[in-house]
Structures are given as structure tokens and as C-alpha cells.
PDB file of N, CA and C in Angstrom:
ATOM      1  N   MET A   1       0.861  -1.180   0.000  1.00  0.00           N
ATOM      2  CA  MET A   1       0.000   0.000   0.000  1.00  0.00           C
ATOM      3  C   MET A   1       0.902   1.235   0.000  1.00  0.00           C
ATOM      4  N   ASN A   2       0.633   2.118  -0.941  1.00  0.00           N
ATOM      5  CA  ASN A   2       1.444   3.334  -1.019  1.00  0.00           C
ATOM      6  C   ASN A   2       0.717   4.493  -0.335  1.00  0.00           C
ATOM      7  N   GLY A   3       1.354   5.638  -0.339  1.00  0.00           N
ATOM      8  CA  GLY A   3       0.804   6.800   0.351  1.00  0.00           C
ATOM      9  C   GLY A   3      -0.494   7.314  -0.260  1.00  0.00           C
ATOM     10  N   TRP A   4      -0.636   7.172  -1.576  1.00  0.00           N
ATOM     11  CA  TRP A   4      -1.859   7.638  -2.231  1.00  0.00           C
ATOM     12  C   TRP A   4      -3.068   6.803  -1.810  1.00  0.00           C
ATOM     13  N   LEU A   5      -2.879   5.493  -1.750  1.00  0.00           N
ATOM     14  CA  LEU A   5      -3.985   4.632  -1.320  1.00  0.00           C
ATOM     15  C   LEU A   5      -4.311   4.848   0.150  1.00  0.00           C
ATOM     16  N   LEU A   6      -3.298   5.085   0.944  1.00  0.00           N
ATOM     17  CA  LEU A   6      -3.534   5.381   2.350  1.00  0.00           C
ATOM     18  C   LEU A   6      -4.323   6.684   2.495  1.00  0.00           C
ATOM     19  N   ALA A   7      -3.984   7.670   1.680  1.00  0.00           N
ATOM     20  CA  ALA A   7      -4.723   8.934   1.712  1.00  0.00           C
ATOM     21  C   ALA A   7      -6.177   8.735   1.285  1.00  0.00           C
ATOM     22  N   ALA A   8      -6.408   7.895   0.283  1.00  0.00           N
ATOM     23  CA  ALA A   8      -7.781   7.618  -0.154  1.00  0.00           C
ATOM     24  C   ALA A   8      -8.556   6.886   0.935  1.00  0.00           C
ATOM     25  N   CYS A   9      -7.902   5.941   1.597  1.00  0.00           N
ATOM     26  CA  CYS A   9      -8.577   5.182   2.662  1.00  0.00           C
ATOM     27  C   CYS A   9      -8.891   6.064   3.869  1.00  0.00           C
ATOM     28  N   VAL A  10      -8.081   7.061   4.121  1.00  0.00           N
ATOM     29  CA  VAL A  10      -8.342   7.977   5.234  1.00  0.00           C
ATOM     30  C   VAL A  10      -9.375   9.029   4.840  1.00  0.00           C
ATOM     31  N   LEU A  11      -9.284   9.523   3.594  1.00  0.00           N
ATOM     32  CA  LEU A  11     -10.193  10.575   3.140  1.00  0.00           C
ATOM     33  C   LEU A  11     -11.627  10.089   2.991  1.00  0.00           C
ATOM     34  N   LEU A  12     -11.794   8.840   2.634  1.00  0.00           N
ATOM     35  CA  LEU A  12     -13.146   8.334   2.409  1.00  0.00           C
ATOM     36  C   LEU A  12     -14.009   8.375   3.673  1.00  0.00           C
ATOM     37  N   PRO A  13     -13.610   7.747   4.773  1.00  0.00           N
ATOM     38  CA  PRO A  13     -14.493   7.822   5.951  1.00  0.00           C
ATOM     39  C   PRO A  13     -14.456   9.179   6.653  1.00  0.00           C
ATOM     40  N   LEU A  14     -13.273   9.812   6.701  1.00  0.00           N
ATOM     41  CA  LEU A  14     -13.178  11.082   7.414  1.00  0.00           C
ATOM     42  C   LEU A  14     -13.800  12.234   6.632  1.00  0.00           C
ATOM     43  N   GLY A  15     -13.838  12.117   5.329  1.00  0.00           N
ATOM     44  CA  GLY A  15     -14.443  13.160   4.516  1.00  0.00           C
ATOM     45  C   GLY A  15     -15.918  12.934   4.250  1.00  0.00           C
ATOM     46  N   MET A  16     -16.276  11.684   3.972  1.00  0.00           N
ATOM     47  CA  MET A  16     -17.675  11.389   3.635  1.00  0.00           C
ATOM     48  C   MET A  16     -18.553  11.265   4.868  1.00  0.00           C
ATOM     49  N   GLY A  17     -18.001  10.867   5.983  1.00  0.00           N
ATOM     50  CA  GLY A  17     -18.810  10.713   7.199  1.00  0.00           C
ATOM     51  C   GLY A  17     -19.553  11.986   7.588  1.00  0.00           C
ATOM     52  N   PRO A  18     -18.848  13.097   7.764  1.00  0.00           N
ATOM     53  CA  PRO A  18     -19.558  14.341   8.095  1.00  0.00           C
ATOM     54  C   PRO A  18     -20.499  14.814   6.994  1.00  0.00           C
ATOM     55  N   CYS A  19     -20.113  14.571   5.740  1.00  0.00           N
ATOM     56  CA  CYS A  19     -20.995  14.982   4.633  1.00  0.00           C
ATOM     57  C   CYS A  19     -22.308  14.210   4.665  1.00  0.00           C
ATOM     58  N   LEU A  20     -22.216  12.916   4.856  1.00  0.00           N
ATOM     59  CA  LEU A  20     -23.435  12.101   4.902  1.00  0.00           C
ATOM     60  C   LEU A  20     -24.262  12.410   6.145  1.00  0.00           C
ATOM     61  N   TRP A  21     -23.593  12.683   7.255  1.00  0.00           N
ATOM     62  CA  TRP A  21     -24.320  13.059   8.470  1.00  0.00           C
ATOM     63  C   TRP A  21     -25.100  14.348   8.236  1.00  0.00           C
ATOM     64  N   ARG A  22     -24.456  15.318   7.607  1.00  0.00           N
ATOM     65  CA  ARG A  22     -25.111  16.599   7.362  1.00  0.00           C
ATOM     66  C   ARG A  22     -26.202  16.458   6.304  1.00  0.00           C
ATOM     67  N   ALA A  23     -26.021  15.546   5.345  1.00  0.00           N
ATOM     68  CA  ALA A  23     -27.033  15.341   4.308  1.00  0.00           C
ATOM     69  C   ALA A  23     -28.261  14.621   4.847  1.00  0.00           C
ATOM     70  N   CYS A  24     -28.104  13.897   5.954  1.00  0.00           N
ATOM     71  CA  CYS A  24     -29.239  13.144   6.508  1.00  0.00           C
ATOM     72  C   CYS A  24     -29.933  13.866   7.651  1.00  0.00           C
ATOM     73  N   ARG A  25     -29.259  14.754   8.314  1.00  0.00           N
ATOM     74  CA  ARG A  25     -29.840  15.429   9.470  1.00  0.00           C
ATOM     75  C   ARG A  25     -29.639  16.930   9.354  1.00  0.00           C
ATOM     76  N   GLY A  26     -30.573  17.685   9.919  1.00  0.00           N
ATOM     77  CA  GLY A  26     -30.421  19.129   9.956  1.00  0.00           C
ATOM     78  C   GLY A  26     -31.446  19.845   9.110  1.00  0.00           C
ATOM     79  N   GLU A  27     -31.223  21.126   8.978  1.00  0.00           N
ATOM     80  CA  GLU A  27     -32.102  21.972   8.179  1.00  0.00           C
ATOM     81  C   GLU A  27     -31.904  21.669   6.690  1.00  0.00           C
ATOM     82  N   PRO A  28     -32.886  22.006   5.867  1.00  0.00           N
ATOM     83  CA  PRO A  28     -32.743  21.719   4.432  1.00  0.00           C
ATOM     84  C   PRO A  28     -31.524  22.371   3.788  1.00  0.00           C
ATOM     85  N   ALA A  29     -31.173  23.574   4.188  1.00  0.00           N
ATOM     86  CA  ALA A  29     -29.991  24.223   3.611  1.00  0.00           C
ATOM     87  C   ALA A  29     -28.715  23.483   3.997  1.00  0.00           C
ATOM     88  N   GLU A  30     -28.653  22.967   5.229  1.00  0.00           N
ATOM     89  CA  GLU A  30     -27.485  22.199   5.659  1.00  0.00           C
ATOM     90  C   GLU A  30     -27.414  20.861   4.930  1.00  0.00           C
ATOM     91  N   ARG A  31     -28.558  20.265   4.677  1.00  0.00           N
ATOM     92  CA  ARG A  31     -28.578  19.017   3.916  1.00  0.00           C
ATOM     93  C   ARG A  31     -28.063  19.233   2.501  1.00  0.00           C
ATOM     94  N   LEU A  32     -28.453  20.343   1.927  1.00  0.00           N
ATOM     95  CA  LEU A  32     -28.007  20.670   0.577  1.00  0.00           C
ATOM     96  C   LEU A  32     -26.490  20.859   0.539  1.00  0.00           C
ATOM     97  N   ALA A  33     -25.946  21.528   1.535  1.00  0.00           N
ATOM     98  CA  ALA A  33     -24.493  21.711   1.607  1.00  0.00           C
ATOM     99  C   ALA A  33     -23.783  20.378   1.780  1.00  0.00           C
ATOM    100  N   GLY A  34     -24.354  19.488   2.566  1.00  0.00           N
ATOM    101  CA  GLY A  34     -23.768  18.160   2.742  1.00  0.00           C
ATOM    102  C   GLY A  34     -23.740  17.362   1.452  1.00  0.00           C
ATOM    103  N   MET A  35     -24.814  17.473   0.678  1.00  0.00           N
ATOM    104  CA  MET A  35     -24.840  16.769  -0.604  1.00  0.00           C
ATOM    105  C   MET A  35     -23.802  17.320  -1.573  1.00  0.00           C
ATOM    106  N   GLY A  36     -23.689  18.639  -1.629  1.00  0.00           N
ATOM    107  CA  GLY A  36     -22.715  19.246  -2.525  1.00  0.00           C
ATOM    108  C   GLY A  36     -21.289  18.885  -2.151  1.00  0.00           C
ATOM    109  N   LEU A  37     -20.999  18.915  -0.871  1.00  0.00           N
ATOM    110  CA  LEU A  37     -19.649  18.593  -0.415  1.00  0.00           C
ATOM    111  C   LEU A  37     -19.324  17.111  -0.593  1.00  0.00           C
ATOM    112  N   SER A  38     -20.318  16.244  -0.486  1.00  0.00           N
ATOM    113  CA  SER A  38     -20.050  14.816  -0.675  1.00  0.00           C
ATOM    114  C   SER A  38     -19.629  14.514  -2.109  1.00  0.00           C
ATOM    115  N   GLY A  39     -20.152  15.251  -3.077  1.00  0.00           N
ATOM    116  CA  GLY A  39     -19.700  15.075  -4.458  1.00  0.00           C
ATOM    117  C   GLY A  39     -18.252  15.480  -4.636  1.00  0.00           C
ATOM    118  N   VAL A  40     -17.857  16.548  -3.971  1.00  0.00           N
ATOM    119  CA  VAL A  40     -16.467  17.009  -4.047  1.00  0.00           C
ATOM    120  C   VAL A  40     -15.524  15.996  -3.393  1.00  0.00           C
ATOM    121  N   VAL A  41     -15.932  15.479  -2.234  1.00  0.00           N
ATOM    122  CA  VAL A  41     -15.081  14.507  -1.527  1.00  0.00           C
ATOM    123  C   VAL A  41     -14.973  13.212  -2.330  1.00  0.00           C
ATOM    124  N   ALA A  42     -16.079  12.749  -2.906  1.00  0.00           N
ATOM    125  CA  ALA A  42     -16.037  11.526  -3.703  1.00  0.00           C
ATOM    126  C   ALA A  42     -15.138  11.693  -4.925  1.00  0.00           C
ATOM    127  N   THR A  43     -15.183  12.857  -5.549  1.00  0.00           N
ATOM    128  CA  THR A  43     -14.309  13.120  -6.690  1.00  0.00           C
ATOM    129  C   THR A  43     -12.840  13.090  -6.256  1.00  0.00           C
ATOM    130  N   ALA A  44     -12.551  13.699  -5.122  1.00  0.00           N
ATOM    131  CA  ALA A  44     -11.166  13.701  -4.623  1.00  0.00           C
ATOM    132  C   ALA A  44     -10.694  12.291  -4.285  1.00  0.00           C
ATOM    133  N   VAL A  45     -11.559  11.486  -3.681  1.00  0.00           N
ATOM    134  CA  VAL A  45     -11.185  10.104  -3.346  1.00  0.00           C
ATOM    135  C   VAL A  45     -10.883   9.314  -4.616  1.00  0.00           C
ATOM    136  N   LEU A  46     -11.707   9.481  -5.640  1.00  0.00           N
ATOM    137  CA  LEU A  46     -11.462   8.758  -6.890  1.00  0.00           C
ATOM    138  C   LEU A  46     -10.158   9.197  -7.555  1.00  0.00           C
ATOM    139  N   LEU A  47      -9.858  10.484  -7.516  1.00  0.00           N
ATOM    140  CA  LEU A  47      -8.609  10.957  -8.118  1.00  0.00           C
ATOM    141  C   LEU A  47      -7.386  10.452  -7.359  1.00  0.00           C
ATOM    142  N   VAL A  48      -7.457  10.449  -6.041  1.00  0.00           N
ATOM    143  CA  VAL A  48      -6.332   9.954  -5.235  1.00  0.00           C
ATOM    144  C   VAL A  48      -6.175   8.451  -5.417  1.00  0.00           C
ATOM    145  N   ALA A  49      -7.300   7.717  -5.488  1.00  0.00           N
ATOM    146  CA  ALA A  49      -7.229   6.270  -5.701  1.00  0.00           C
ATOM    147  C   ALA A  49      -6.661   5.952  -7.082  1.00  0.00           C
ATOM    148  N   ALA A  50      -7.010   6.750  -8.085  1.00  0.00           N
ATOM    149  CA  ALA A  50      -6.454   6.533  -9.426  1.00  0.00           C
ATOM    150  C   ALA A  50      -4.936   6.695  -9.415  1.00  0.00           C
ATOM    151  N   ARG A  51      -4.481   7.681  -8.683  1.00  0.00           N
ATOM    152  CA  ARG A  51      -3.031   7.901  -8.586  1.00  0.00           C
ATOM    153  C   ARG A  51      -2.361   6.747  -7.846  1.00  0.00           C
ATOM    154  N   GLY A  52      -3.003   6.261  -6.786  1.00  0.00           N
ATOM    155  CA  GLY A  52      -2.421   5.186  -5.987  1.00  0.00           C
ATOM    156  C   GLY A  52      -2.420   3.834  -6.681  1.00  0.00           C
ATOM    157  N   LEU A  53      -3.421   3.585  -7.529  1.00  0.00           N
ATOM    158  CA  LEU A  53      -3.501   2.302  -8.226  1.00  0.00           C
ATOM    159  C   LEU A  53      -2.774   2.309  -9.564  1.00  0.00           C
ATOM    160  N   HIS A  54      -2.189   3.436  -9.935  1.00  0.00           N
ATOM    161  CA  HIS A  54      -1.456   3.579 -11.191  1.00  0.00           C
ATOM    162  C   HIS A  54      -2.351   3.276 -12.393  1.00  0.00           C
ATOM    163  N   ARG A  55      -3.648   3.632 -12.269  1.00  0.00           N
ATOM    164  CA  ARG A  55      -4.598   3.465 -13.371  1.00  0.00           C
ATOM    165  C   ARG A  55      -5.330   4.791 -13.569  1.00  0.00           C
ATOM    166  N   PRO A  56      -4.637   5.814 -14.028  1.00  0.00           N
ATOM    167  CA  PRO A  56      -5.279   7.129 -14.091  1.00  0.00           C
ATOM    168  C   PRO A  56      -6.418   7.207 -15.097  1.00  0.00           C
ATOM    169  N   ALA A  57      -6.358   6.436 -16.171  1.00  0.00           N
ATOM    170  CA  ALA A  57      -7.389   6.565 -17.205  1.00  0.00           C
ATOM    171  C   ALA A  57      -8.750   6.087 -16.698  1.00  0.00           C
ATOM    172  N   ALA A  58      -8.775   4.984 -16.005  1.00  0.00           N
ATOM    173  CA  ALA A  58     -10.049   4.400 -15.600  1.00  0.00           C
ATOM    174  C   ALA A  58     -10.755   5.243 -14.543  1.00  0.00           C
ATOM    175  N   TYR A  59     -10.070   5.549 -13.462  1.00  0.00           N
ATOM    176  CA  TYR A  59     -10.723   6.235 -12.353  1.00  0.00           C
ATOM    177  C   TYR A  59     -10.810   7.743 -12.557  1.00  0.00           C
ATOM    178  N   THR A  60      -9.923   8.293 -13.350  1.00  0.00           N
ATOM    179  CA  THR A  60      -9.981   9.730 -13.608  1.00  0.00           C
ATOM    180  C   THR A  60     -11.214  10.070 -14.429  1.00  0.00           C
ATOM    181  N   ASP A  61     -11.557   9.220 -15.384  1.00  0.00           N
ATOM    182  CA  ASP A  61     -12.763   9.453 -16.177  1.00  0.00           C
ATOM    183  C   ASP A  61     -14.011   9.414 -15.305  1.00  0.00           C
ATOM    184  N   VAL A  62     -14.064   8.454 -14.400  1.00  0.00           N
ATOM    185  CA  VAL A  62     -15.214   8.353 -13.497  1.00  0.00           C
ATOM    186  C   VAL A  62     -15.274   9.577 -12.589  1.00  0.00           C
ATOM    187  N   ALA A  63     -14.135  10.037 -12.116  1.00  0.00           N
ATOM    188  CA  ALA A  63     -14.100  11.212 -11.250  1.00  0.00           C
ATOM    189  C   ALA A  63     -14.551  12.464 -11.997  1.00  0.00           C
ATOM    190  N   LEU A  64     -14.162  12.599 -13.249  1.00  0.00           N
ATOM    191  CA  LEU A  64     -14.578  13.762 -14.020  1.00  0.00           C
ATOM    192  C   LEU A  64     -16.074  13.743 -14.315  1.00  0.00           C
ATOM    193  N   VAL A  65     -16.628  12.578 -14.601  1.00  0.00           N
ATOM    194  CA  VAL A  65     -18.079  12.474 -14.807  1.00  0.00           C
ATOM    195  C   VAL A  65     -18.808  12.809 -13.514  1.00  0.00           C
ATOM    196  N   LEU A  66     -18.319  12.318 -12.402  1.00  0.00           N
ATOM    197  CA  LEU A  66     -18.931  12.640 -11.112  1.00  0.00           C
ATOM    198  C   LEU A  66     -18.841  14.124 -10.808  1.00  0.00           C
ATOM    199  N   ALA A  67     -17.718  14.741 -11.162  1.00  0.00           N
ATOM    200  CA  ALA A  67     -17.553  16.173 -10.916  1.00  0.00           C
ATOM    201  C   ALA A  67     -18.546  16.999 -11.728  1.00  0.00           C
ATOM    202  N   VAL A  68     -18.941  16.504 -12.890  1.00  0.00           N
ATOM    203  CA  VAL A  68     -19.917  17.219 -13.707  1.00  0.00           C
ATOM    204  C   VAL A  68     -21.343  16.957 -13.231  1.00  0.00           C
ATOM    205  N   LEU A  69     -21.643  15.718 -12.844  1.00  0.00           N
ATOM    206  CA  LEU A  69     -23.021  15.352 -12.499  1.00  0.00           C
ATOM    207  C   LEU A  69     -23.417  15.687 -11.062  1.00  0.00           C
ATOM    208  N   ALA A  70     -22.481  15.752 -10.155  1.00  0.00           N
ATOM    209  CA  ALA A  70     -22.821  16.012  -8.747  1.00  0.00           C
ATOM    210  C   ALA A  70     -23.475  17.380  -8.545  1.00  0.00           C
ATOM    211  N   PRO A  71     -22.983  18.451  -9.128  1.00  0.00           N
ATOM    212  CA  PRO A  71     -23.684  19.735  -8.957  1.00  0.00           C
ATOM    213  C   PRO A  71     -25.081  19.737  -9.590  1.00  0.00           C
ATOM    214  N   ALA A  72     -25.254  18.990 -10.661  1.00  0.00           N
ATOM    215  CA  ALA A  72     -26.578  18.918 -11.285  1.00  0.00           C
ATOM    216  C   ALA A  72     -27.567  18.235 -10.346  1.00  0.00           C
ATOM    217  N   GLY A  73     -27.138  17.178  -9.681  1.00  0.00           N
ATOM    218  CA  GLY A  73     -28.005  16.521  -8.706  1.00  0.00           C
ATOM    219  C   GLY A  73     -28.325  17.419  -7.530  1.00  0.00           C
ATOM    220  N   THR A  74     -27.368  18.210  -7.118  1.00  0.00           N
ATOM    221  CA  THR A  74     -27.601  19.157  -6.032  1.00  0.00           C
ATOM    222  C   THR A  74     -28.612  20.216  -6.445  1.00  0.00           C
ATOM    223  N   LEU A  75     -28.536  20.667  -7.691  1.00  0.00           N
ATOM    224  CA  LEU A  75     -29.501  21.660  -8.174  1.00  0.00           C
ATOM    225  C   LEU A  75     -30.918  21.082  -8.249  1.00  0.00           C
ATOM    226  N   VAL A  76     -31.038  19.836  -8.635  1.00  0.00           N
ATOM    227  CA  VAL A  76     -32.363  19.195  -8.658  1.00  0.00           C
ATOM    228  C   VAL A  76     -32.917  19.106  -7.244  1.00  0.00           C
ATOM    229  N   PHE A  77     -32.073  18.736  -6.293  1.00  0.00           N
ATOM    230  CA  PHE A  77     -32.507  18.651  -4.905  1.00  0.00           C
ATOM    231  C   PHE A  77     -32.905  20.024  -4.379  1.00  0.00           C
ATOM    232  N   ALA A  78     -32.170  21.055  -4.779  1.00  0.00           N
ATOM    233  CA  ALA A  78     -32.497  22.424  -4.347  1.00  0.00           C
ATOM    234  C   ALA A  78     -33.845  22.857  -4.908  1.00  0.00           C
ATOM    235  N   ARG A  79     -34.140  22.480  -6.123  1.00  0.00           N
ATOM    236  CA  ARG A  79     -35.442  22.827  -6.700  1.00  0.00           C
ATOM    237  C   ARG A  79     -36.566  22.111  -5.966  1.00  0.00           C
ATOM    238  N   CYS A  80     -36.333  20.878  -5.579  1.00  0.00           N
ATOM    239  CA  CYS A  80     -37.350  20.152  -4.801  1.00  0.00           C
ATOM    240  C   CYS A  80     -37.562  20.817  -3.443  1.00  0.00           C
ATOM    241  N   LEU A  81     -36.486  21.288  -2.827  1.00  0.00           N
ATOM    242  CA  LEU A  81     -36.620  21.969  -1.540  1.00  0.00           C
ATOM    243  C   LEU A  81     -37.366  23.283  -1.673  1.00  0.00           C
ATOM    244  N   ALA A  82     -37.154  23.973  -2.779  1.00  0.00           N
ATOM    245  CA  ALA A  82     -37.794  25.262  -2.986  1.00  0.00           C
ATOM    246  C   ALA A  82     -39.260  25.112  -3.369  1.00  0.00           C
ATOM    247  N   GLY A  83     -39.687  23.915  -3.709  1.00  0.00           N
ATOM    248  CA  GLY A  83     -41.075  23.699  -4.101  1.00  0.00           C
ATOM    249  C   GLY A  83     -41.359  24.227  -5.487  1.00  0.00           C
ATOM    250  N   GLY A  84     -40.375  24.166  -6.342  1.00  0.00           N
ATOM    251  CA  GLY A  84     -40.538  24.676  -7.700  1.00  0.00           C
ATOM    252  C   GLY A  84     -41.583  23.886  -8.466  1.00  0.00           C
ATOM    253  N   GLU A  85     -42.362  24.603  -9.270  1.00  0.00           N
ATOM    254  CA  GLU A  85     -43.378  23.951 -10.087  1.00  0.00           C
ATOM    255  C   GLU A  85     -42.871  23.859 -11.512  1.00  0.00           C
ATOM    256  N   HIS A  86     -43.371  22.870 -12.211  1.00  0.00           N
ATOM    257  CA  HIS A  86     -43.011  22.708 -13.607  1.00  0.00           C
ATOM    258  C   HIS A  86     -43.757  23.737 -14.442  1.00  0.00           C
ATOM    259  N   PRO A  87     -43.198  24.154 -15.552  1.00  0.00           N
ATOM    260  CA  PRO A  87     -43.912  25.094 -16.413  1.00  0.00           C
ATOM    261  C   PRO A  87     -45.230  24.488 -16.886  1.00  0.00           C
ATOM    262  N   GLY A  88     -46.251  25.287 -16.875  1.00  0.00           N
ATOM    263  CA  GLY A  88     -47.560  24.809 -17.307  1.00  0.00           C
ATOM    264  C   GLY A  88     -48.427  24.304 -16.177  1.00  0.00           C
ATOM    265  N   THR A  89     -47.897  24.286 -14.948  1.00  0.00           N
ATOM    266  CA  THR A  89     -48.689  23.810 -13.817  1.00  0.00           C
ATOM    267  C   THR A  89     -48.869  24.868 -12.750  1.00  0.00           C
ATOM    268  N   GLY A  90     -48.373  26.071 -12.981  1.00  0.00           N
ATOM    269  CA  GLY A  90     -48.465  27.131 -11.982  1.00  0.00           C
ATOM    270  C   GLY A  90     -49.865  27.715 -11.903  1.00  0.00           C
ATOM    271  N   ALA A  91     -50.094  28.547 -10.889  1.00  0.00           N
ATOM    272  CA  ALA A  91     -51.403  29.167 -10.685  1.00  0.00           C
ATOM    273  C   ALA A  91     -51.755  30.093 -11.839  1.00  0.00           C
ATOM    274  N   ALA A  92     -50.765  30.744 -12.437  1.00  0.00           N
ATOM    275  CA  ALA A  92     -51.047  31.659 -13.541  1.00  0.00           C
ATOM    276  C   ALA A  92     -51.548  30.896 -14.768  1.00  0.00           C
ATOM    277  N   ASP A  93     -51.119  29.650 -14.923  1.00  0.00           N
ATOM    278  CA  ASP A  93     -51.545  28.863 -16.072  1.00  0.00           C
ATOM    279  C   ASP A  93     -52.929  28.263 -15.873  1.00  0.00           C
ATOM    280  N   ARG A  94     -53.422  28.212 -14.636  1.00  0.00           N
ATOM    281  CA  ARG A  94     -54.736  27.628 -14.367  1.00  0.00           C
ATOM    282  C   ARG A  94     -55.848  28.659 -14.419  1.00  0.00           C
ATOM    283  N   ARG A  95     -55.513  29.930 -14.569  1.00  0.00           N
ATOM    284  CA  ARG A  95     -56.532  30.965 -14.631  1.00  0.00           C
ATOM    285  C   ARG A  95     -57.363  30.796 -15.891  1.00  0.00           C
ATOM    286  N   ALA A  96     -58.589  31.299 -15.809  1.00  0.00           N
ATOM    287  CA  ALA A  96     -59.460  31.289 -16.978  1.00  0.00           C
ATOM    288  C   ALA A  96     -58.912  32.255 -18.004  1.00  0.00           C
ATOM    289  N   PRO A  97     -58.932  31.887 -19.252  1.00  0.00           N
ATOM    290  CA  PRO A  97     -58.439  32.798 -20.291  1.00  0.00           C
ATOM    291  C   PRO A  97     -59.315  34.036 -20.377  1.00  0.00           C
ATOM    292  N   SER A  98     -58.685  35.160 -20.677  1.00  0.00           N
ATOM    293  CA  SER A  98     -59.453  36.399 -20.800  1.00  0.00           C
ATOM    294  C   SER A  98     -59.971  36.534 -22.216  1.00  0.00           C
ATOM    295  N   GLY A  99     -60.970  37.379 -22.386  1.00  0.00           N
ATOM    296  CA  GLY A  99     -61.543  37.604 -23.707  1.00  0.00           C
ATOM    297  C   GLY A  99     -62.883  36.919 -23.855  1.00  0.00           C
ATOM    298  N   PRO A 100     -63.467  37.060 -25.012  1.00  0.00           N
ATOM    299  CA  PRO A 100     -64.795  36.452 -25.217  1.00  0.00           C
ATOM    300  C   PRO A 100     -64.710  34.946 -25.230  1.00  0.00           C
ATOM    301  N   GLN A 101     -65.686  34.329 -24.615  1.00  0.00           N
ATOM    302  CA  GLN A 101     -65.780  32.882 -24.527  1.00  0.00           C
ATOM    303  C   GLN A 101     -66.852  32.397 -25.486  1.00  0.00           C
ATOM    304  N   PRO A 102     -66.650  31.245 -26.087  1.00  0.00           N
ATOM    305  CA  PRO A 102     -67.708  30.705 -26.938  1.00  0.00           C
ATOM    306  C   PRO A 102     -68.935  30.381 -26.081  1.00  0.00           C
ATOM    307  N   SER A 103     -70.104  30.687 -26.593  1.00  0.00           N
ATOM    308  CA  SER A 103     -71.320  30.516 -25.804  1.00  0.00           C
ATOM    309  C   SER A 103     -71.932  29.140 -25.945  1.00  0.00           C
ATOM    310  N   GLY A 104     -71.314  28.262 -26.688  1.00  0.00           N
ATOM    311  CA  GLY A 104     -71.854  26.922 -26.828  1.00  0.00           C
ATOM    312  C   GLY A 104     -72.741  26.814 -28.058  1.00  0.00           C
ATOM    313  N   ARG A 105     -73.696  25.832 -28.108  1.00  0.00           N
ATOM    314  CA  ARG A 105     -74.567  25.613 -29.255  1.00  0.00           C
ATOM    315  C   ARG A 105     -75.738  26.568 -29.256  1.00  0.00           C
ATOM    316  N   ARG A 106     -76.188  26.942 -30.394  1.00  0.00           N
ATOM    317  CA  ARG A 106     -77.364  27.789 -30.538  1.00  0.00           C
ATOM    318  C   ARG A 106     -78.480  27.037 -31.138  1.00  0.00           C
TER     319      ARG A 106
END
């Protein structure tokens, strides 16, 4: 075991533990911060493990994909917390249309 793998083994529980704790407990804003930070820690663990295993191509690609997708997942979670509505389902879209209405059959 080299120093890079030792760093990955230490960073994983010491870095992810508080992130997961914060993502599971606390106020919604604190949970959101925990989720965002867990993506950063997971990316760092994968990069350090890639260096330690001497396989940079395999794990570096996974780390880069995670680095791109983790903030997107955090944004989706933030929208759920904010109670965002989808377009076409808001109160303004449910109003009766203005203007003359057809009177039906004559």
C-alpha cells in the first residue's frame, strides 16, 4: 500500500462521514451543503485512488463524470426543496383565459 492509497482510505471515511451526516440530518440548507460537499469529496477520493492504483485513465474518467453530475443533482434537490413547479402547472396557467368565450350551441 502506497501513500496515495492510504490517503484515499483515510479521506473516504473522514471526509464522507460528516458529509453524509449533514445530508441526513439538519435543516434543508445544511442538507443541501452536505450533498454538494459529498460530491467534491467523492471526486477527490477517486482521483487519489487513481493515482495510488497507477490506473489514471479508468478512475480519472469516473471522477470527471462525477464532478460534472454532482452539482446537477444538487440543483435538482435544491429545486425540490424550494417547491418549484413545472412550467404549465403554476397558478397563472390555471386561470381562466381572458376575452370572449364561446357561448356553446345555438
